[in-house]
């Protein structure tokens, strides 16, 4: 029988890590990449500030599900390239 340990106050249970990690990664990466892309296209103008949130939202809507789909493949590729840590 699997033991269940109550998570620390205010934290999600550990089994949510597979969703939370790609969620946070997609938010941070799309934040940076959409800002750079929008800034390059429009320059440091008022148009940048009005267009960037929509660009960020659209890029996140694509990035999050994509990460959920490709993360297992990425883990396998990394396992082929990186040596496993030594056993303790």
C-alpha atoms as a PDB file:
ATOM      1  CA  UNK A   1       0.000   0.000   0.000  1.00  0.00           C
ATOM      2  CA  UNK A   2       1.296   3.422  -0.930  1.00  0.00           C
ATOM      3  CA  UNK A   3       1.755   5.766   1.990  1.00  0.00           C
ATOM      4  CA  UNK A   4       0.289   9.220   1.619  1.00  0.00           C
ATOM      5  CA  UNK A   5       2.051  12.149   3.143  1.00  0.00           C
ATOM      6  CA  UNK A   6       0.163  15.394   3.407  1.00  0.00           C
ATOM      7  CA  UNK A   7       2.035  18.146   1.526  1.00  0.00           C
ATOM      8  CA  UNK A   8       3.415  21.138   3.365  1.00  0.00           C
ATOM      9  CA  UNK A   9       0.893  23.903   3.875  1.00  0.00           C
ATOM     10  CA  UNK A  10       0.270  25.789   0.654  1.00  0.00           C
ATOM     11  CA  UNK A  11       2.023  23.216  -1.559  1.00  0.00           C
ATOM     12  CA  UNK A  12       0.570  20.847  -4.101  1.00  0.00           C
ATOM     13  CA  UNK A  13       1.198  17.109  -3.720  1.00  0.00           C
ATOM     14  CA  UNK A  14       4.313  15.804  -5.489  1.00  0.00           C
ATOM     15  CA  UNK A  15       2.340  14.033  -8.219  1.00  0.00           C
ATOM     16  CA  UNK A  16       1.439  17.442  -9.696  1.00  0.00           C
ATOM     17  CA  UNK A  17       5.105  18.153 -10.564  1.00  0.00           C
ATOM     18  CA  UNK A  18       4.623  16.731 -14.072  1.00  0.00           C
ATOM     19  CA  UNK A  19       2.108  19.495 -14.835  1.00  0.00           C
ATOM     20  CA  UNK A  20       3.505  22.335 -12.706  1.00  0.00           C
ATOM     21  CA  UNK A  21       7.041  22.134 -14.139  1.00  0.00           C
ATOM     22  CA  UNK A  22       5.987  22.525 -17.804  1.00  0.00           C
ATOM     23  CA  UNK A  23       3.446  25.175 -16.766  1.00  0.00           C
ATOM     24  CA  UNK A  24       6.086  27.332 -15.049  1.00  0.00           C
ATOM     25  CA  UNK A  25       8.658  26.681 -17.784  1.00  0.00           C
ATOM     26  CA  UNK A  26       6.198  27.670 -20.513  1.00  0.00           C
ATOM     27  CA  UNK A  27       5.154  30.848 -18.684  1.00  0.00           C
ATOM     28  CA  UNK A  28       8.754  31.982 -18.164  1.00  0.00           C
ATOM     29  CA  UNK A  29      10.043  31.042 -21.616  1.00  0.00           C
ATOM     30  CA  UNK A  30       7.139  32.584 -23.530  1.00  0.00           C
ATOM     31  CA  UNK A  31       7.397  35.705 -21.356  1.00  0.00           C
ATOM     32  CA  UNK A  32      11.016  36.241 -22.418  1.00  0.00           C
ATOM     33  CA  UNK A  33      10.788  35.079 -26.032  1.00  0.00           C
ATOM     34  CA  UNK A  34       7.596  37.007 -26.834  1.00  0.00           C
ATOM     35  CA  UNK A  35       9.053  40.146 -25.254  1.00  0.00           C
ATOM     36  CA  UNK A  36      12.222  39.908 -27.340  1.00  0.00           C
ATOM     37  CA  UNK A  37      10.306  39.114 -30.528  1.00  0.00           C
ATOM     38  CA  UNK A  38       7.728  41.868 -30.024  1.00  0.00           C
ATOM     39  CA  UNK A  39      10.402  44.388 -29.040  1.00  0.00           C
ATOM     40  CA  UNK A  40      12.417  43.560 -32.158  1.00  0.00           C
ATOM     41  CA  UNK A  41       9.355  43.913 -34.389  1.00  0.00           C
ATOM     42  CA  UNK A  42       7.895  47.092 -32.868  1.00  0.00           C
ATOM     43  CA  UNK A  43      10.753  48.742 -30.992  1.00  0.00           C
ATOM     44  CA  UNK A  44      10.518  50.259 -27.524  1.00  0.00           C
ATOM     45  CA  UNK A  45       7.248  52.064 -28.175  1.00  0.00           C
ATOM     46  CA  UNK A  46       3.774  52.268 -26.704  1.00  0.00           C
ATOM     47  CA  UNK A  47       2.749  49.755 -29.374  1.00  0.00           C
ATOM     48  CA  UNK A  48       5.075  47.241 -27.723  1.00  0.00           C
ATOM     49  CA  UNK A  49       3.245  47.581 -24.411  1.00  0.00           C
ATOM     50  CA  UNK A  50      -0.164  47.145 -26.019  1.00  0.00           C
ATOM     51  CA  UNK A  51       0.786  44.234 -28.311  1.00  0.00           C
ATOM     52  CA  UNK A  52       3.088  42.196 -26.105  1.00  0.00           C
ATOM     53  CA  UNK A  53       0.442  40.743 -23.710  1.00  0.00           C
ATOM     54  CA  UNK A  54      -1.529  39.282 -26.638  1.00  0.00           C
ATOM     55  CA  UNK A  55       1.654  37.895 -28.188  1.00  0.00           C
ATOM     56  CA  UNK A  56       2.617  36.368 -24.851  1.00  0.00           C
ATOM     57  CA  UNK A  57      -0.822  34.828 -24.325  1.00  0.00           C
ATOM     58  CA  UNK A  58      -0.907  33.279 -27.785  1.00  0.00           C
ATOM     59  CA  UNK A  59       2.607  31.907 -27.492  1.00  0.00           C
ATOM     60  CA  UNK A  60       1.815  30.424 -24.073  1.00  0.00           C
ATOM     61  CA  UNK A  61      -1.356  28.754 -25.423  1.00  0.00           C
ATOM     62  CA  UNK A  62       0.854  26.952 -27.935  1.00  0.00           C
ATOM     63  CA  UNK A  63       3.869  26.337 -25.675  1.00  0.00           C
ATOM     64  CA  UNK A  64       2.185  24.723 -22.674  1.00  0.00           C
ATOM     65  CA  UNK A  65       0.409  21.870 -24.497  1.00  0.00           C
ATOM     66  CA  UNK A  66       3.478  21.419 -26.710  1.00  0.00           C
ATOM     67  CA  UNK A  67       5.666  20.996 -23.636  1.00  0.00           C
ATOM     68  CA  UNK A  68       3.254  18.463 -22.176  1.00  0.00           C
ATOM     69  CA  UNK A  69       3.465  16.445 -25.397  1.00  0.00           C
ATOM     70  CA  UNK A  70       7.213  16.626 -26.056  1.00  0.00           C
ATOM     71  CA  UNK A  71       8.594  16.426 -22.518  1.00  0.00           C
ATOM     72  CA  UNK A  72       8.614  12.590 -22.433  1.00  0.00           C
ATOM     73  CA  UNK A  73      10.573  12.560 -25.708  1.00  0.00           C
ATOM     74  CA  UNK A  74      12.987  15.193 -24.385  1.00  0.00           C
ATOM     75  CA  UNK A  75      13.579  13.114 -21.237  1.00  0.00           C
ATOM     76  CA  UNK A  76      14.431  10.067 -23.372  1.00  0.00           C
ATOM     77  CA  UNK A  77      16.823  12.079 -25.547  1.00  0.00           C
ATOM     78  CA  UNK A  78      18.532  13.538 -22.467  1.00  0.00           C
ATOM     79  CA  UNK A  79      18.876  10.032 -20.993  1.00  0.00           C
ATOM     80  CA  UNK A  80      20.667   8.943 -24.180  1.00  0.00           C
ATOM     81  CA  UNK A  81      23.096  11.874 -24.021  1.00  0.00           C
ATOM     82  CA  UNK A  82      23.720  12.259 -20.267  1.00  0.00           C
ATOM     83  CA  UNK A  83      25.240   9.565 -18.052  1.00  0.00           C
ATOM     84  CA  UNK A  84      23.086   8.358 -15.177  1.00  0.00           C
ATOM     85  CA  UNK A  85      24.248   9.484 -11.726  1.00  0.00           C
ATOM     86  CA  UNK A  86      26.274   6.895  -9.792  1.00  0.00           C
ATOM     87  CA  UNK A  87      24.311   4.712  -7.378  1.00  0.00           C
ATOM     88  CA  UNK A  88      24.597   5.670  -3.741  1.00  0.00           C
END
